Structure formats: C-alpha cells, structure tokens
C-alpha atoms as a PDB file:
ATOM      1  CA  MET A   1     112.899 109.001 112.574  1.00  0.00           C
ATOM      2  CA  SER A   2     109.149 108.553 112.948  1.00  0.00           C
ATOM      3  CA  THR A   3     107.297 106.148 110.614  1.00  0.00           C
ATOM      4  CA  GLU A   4     103.989 107.554 111.404  1.00  0.00           C
ATOM      5  CA  ILE A   5     101.884 109.064 108.425  1.00  0.00           C
ATOM      6  CA  GLU A   6     100.445 112.479 108.972  1.00  0.00           C
ATOM      7  CA  ILE A   7      96.889 111.903 107.896  1.00  0.00           C
ATOM      8  CA  ASN A   8      95.718 115.400 108.325  1.00  0.00           C
ATOM      9  CA  CYS A   9      97.490 116.377 104.898  1.00  0.00           C
ATOM     10  CA  MET A  10      96.557 113.210 102.981  1.00  0.00           C
ATOM     11  CA  LYS A  11      94.174 113.308 100.117  1.00  0.00           C
ATOM     12  CA  ILE A  12      92.226 110.379  99.133  1.00  0.00           C
ATOM     13  CA  LEU A  13      90.193 109.770  95.929  1.00  0.00           C
ATOM     14  CA  VAL A  14      86.938 107.805  96.336  1.00  0.00           C
ATOM     15  CA  THR A  15      85.283 106.783  93.014  1.00  0.00           C
ATOM     16  CA  GLY A  16      81.631 106.230  93.145  1.00  0.00           C
ATOM     17  CA  GLY A  17      81.660 107.981  96.435  1.00  0.00           C
ATOM     18  CA  ALA A  18      77.865 108.952  96.326  1.00  0.00           C
ATOM     19  CA  GLY A  19      76.976 105.489  96.339  1.00  0.00           C
ATOM     20  CA  PHE A  20      76.125 103.090  99.175  1.00  0.00           C
ATOM     21  CA  ILE A  21      79.430 101.846  99.874  1.00  0.00           C
ATOM     22  CA  GLY A  22      81.282 104.927  98.708  1.00  0.00           C
ATOM     23  CA  ILE A  23      79.309 107.226 101.040  1.00  0.00           C
ATOM     24  CA  HIS A  24      80.285 105.045 104.022  1.00  0.00           C
ATOM     25  CA  THR A  25      83.805 104.822 102.921  1.00  0.00           C
ATOM     26  CA  THR A  26      83.968 108.595 102.538  1.00  0.00           C
ATOM     27  CA  ILE A  27      82.488 109.227 106.026  1.00  0.00           C
ATOM     28  CA  SER A  28      85.012 106.812 107.652  1.00  0.00           C
ATOM     29  CA  LEU A  29      87.979 108.247 105.975  1.00  0.00           C
ATOM     30  CA  SER A  30      86.583 111.907 106.669  1.00  0.00           C
ATOM     31  CA  GLU A  31      86.248 111.015 110.360  1.00  0.00           C
ATOM     32  CA  LYS A  32      89.866 109.838 110.439  1.00  0.00           C
ATOM     33  CA  GLY A  33      91.074 113.148 109.238  1.00  0.00           C
ATOM     34  CA  PHE A  34      91.478 112.423 105.566  1.00  0.00           C
ATOM     35  CA  ASN A  35      90.731 115.091 102.830  1.00  0.00           C
ATOM     36  CA  VAL A  36      88.526 113.271 100.579  1.00  0.00           C
ATOM     37  CA  ILE A  37      87.887 113.858  97.087  1.00  0.00           C
ATOM     38  CA  ILE A  38      84.797 111.964  95.520  1.00  0.00           C
ATOM     39  CA  ILE A  39      84.216 111.380  91.818  1.00  0.00           C
ATOM     40  CA  ASP A  40      80.721 110.053  90.761  1.00  0.00           C
ATOM     41  CA  SER A  41      78.482 110.233  87.863  1.00  0.00           C
ATOM     42  CA  LEU A  42      75.257 110.165  89.971  1.00  0.00           C
ATOM     43  CA  ILE A  43      73.769 107.610  87.715  1.00  0.00           C
ATOM     44  CA  ASN A  44      73.020 104.974  90.566  1.00  0.00           C
ATOM     45  CA  SER A  45      73.422 107.558  93.514  1.00  0.00           C
ATOM     46  CA  SER A  46      72.337 110.919  94.763  1.00  0.00           C
ATOM     47  CA  ILE A  47      74.018 114.120  95.668  1.00  0.00           C
ATOM     48  CA  ASN A  48      71.733 114.159  98.629  1.00  0.00           C
ATOM     49  CA  ALA A  49      74.039 111.484 100.116  1.00  0.00           C
ATOM     50  CA  MET A  50      76.781 114.234 100.568  1.00  0.00           C
ATOM     51  CA  ARG A  51      74.618 115.761 103.450  1.00  0.00           C
ATOM     52  CA  ARG A  52      75.877 112.975 105.634  1.00  0.00           C
ATOM     53  CA  ILE A  53      79.417 114.092 105.416  1.00  0.00           C
ATOM     54  CA  GLU A  54      80.311 116.410 108.286  1.00  0.00           C
ATOM     55  CA  ASN A  55      83.958 117.299 107.509  1.00  0.00           C
ATOM     56  CA  GLY A  56      85.108 119.010 104.216  1.00  0.00           C
ATOM     57  CA  PHE A  57      85.426 117.197 101.015  1.00  0.00           C
ATOM     58  CA  ALA A  58      85.471 118.063  97.298  1.00  0.00           C
ATOM     59  CA  PHE A  59      83.007 116.386  94.814  1.00  0.00           C
ATOM     60  CA  ILE A  60      83.603 116.105  91.075  1.00  0.00           C
ATOM     61  CA  LEU A  61      80.660 115.302  88.863  1.00  0.00           C
ATOM     62  CA  ASP A  62      81.718 113.043  86.045  1.00  0.00           C
ATOM     63  CA  GLN A  63      78.887 112.574  83.324  1.00  0.00           C
ATOM     64  CA  ASN A  64      81.472 111.201  80.796  1.00  0.00           C
ATOM     65  CA  VAL A  65      80.618 107.412  81.556  1.00  0.00           C
ATOM     66  CA  TYR A  66      80.686 105.144  78.709  1.00  0.00           C
ATOM     67  CA  LYS A  67      79.011 101.795  78.262  1.00  0.00           C
ATOM     68  CA  VAL A  68      81.027  99.027  77.301  1.00  0.00           C
ATOM     69  CA  ASN A  69      79.303  96.071  75.457  1.00  0.00           C
END
C-alpha cells in the first residue's frame, strides 16, 4: 500500500490569493500540480496578479468583507 498522495487531484483553497504572499503561494502550489482555488476581496490586491499564474486556477471574488472594531 502506497502512502504517496496524488497531488494531481488535490484542491487547495488560498485566501488572499491575489495579494503578495498569496500569489507566490498560489504560483508555488500550481507549479507542484495542485488545483488552486483563490478567494480574495481585491481590497489590498489586484486581479492583474492572476496573470502570473500559468496553470489553471479558480478565482472567487468576495466583496463581503466586514470591518471588526
């Protein structure tokens, strides 16, 4: 019995994936063969960052961000 994980079918959710750290994380995971799902509000980031990702990904725009005092 093999203990290897088949990463070609693994999906990873990256919150804040359009930001500086998130985009680098997304690129790294994508290069390793993971299917990446990104959720971001684009408040502190840009959709243009997504152009840096060569492999497929899914993007969810979440504008329901609530400020907590």
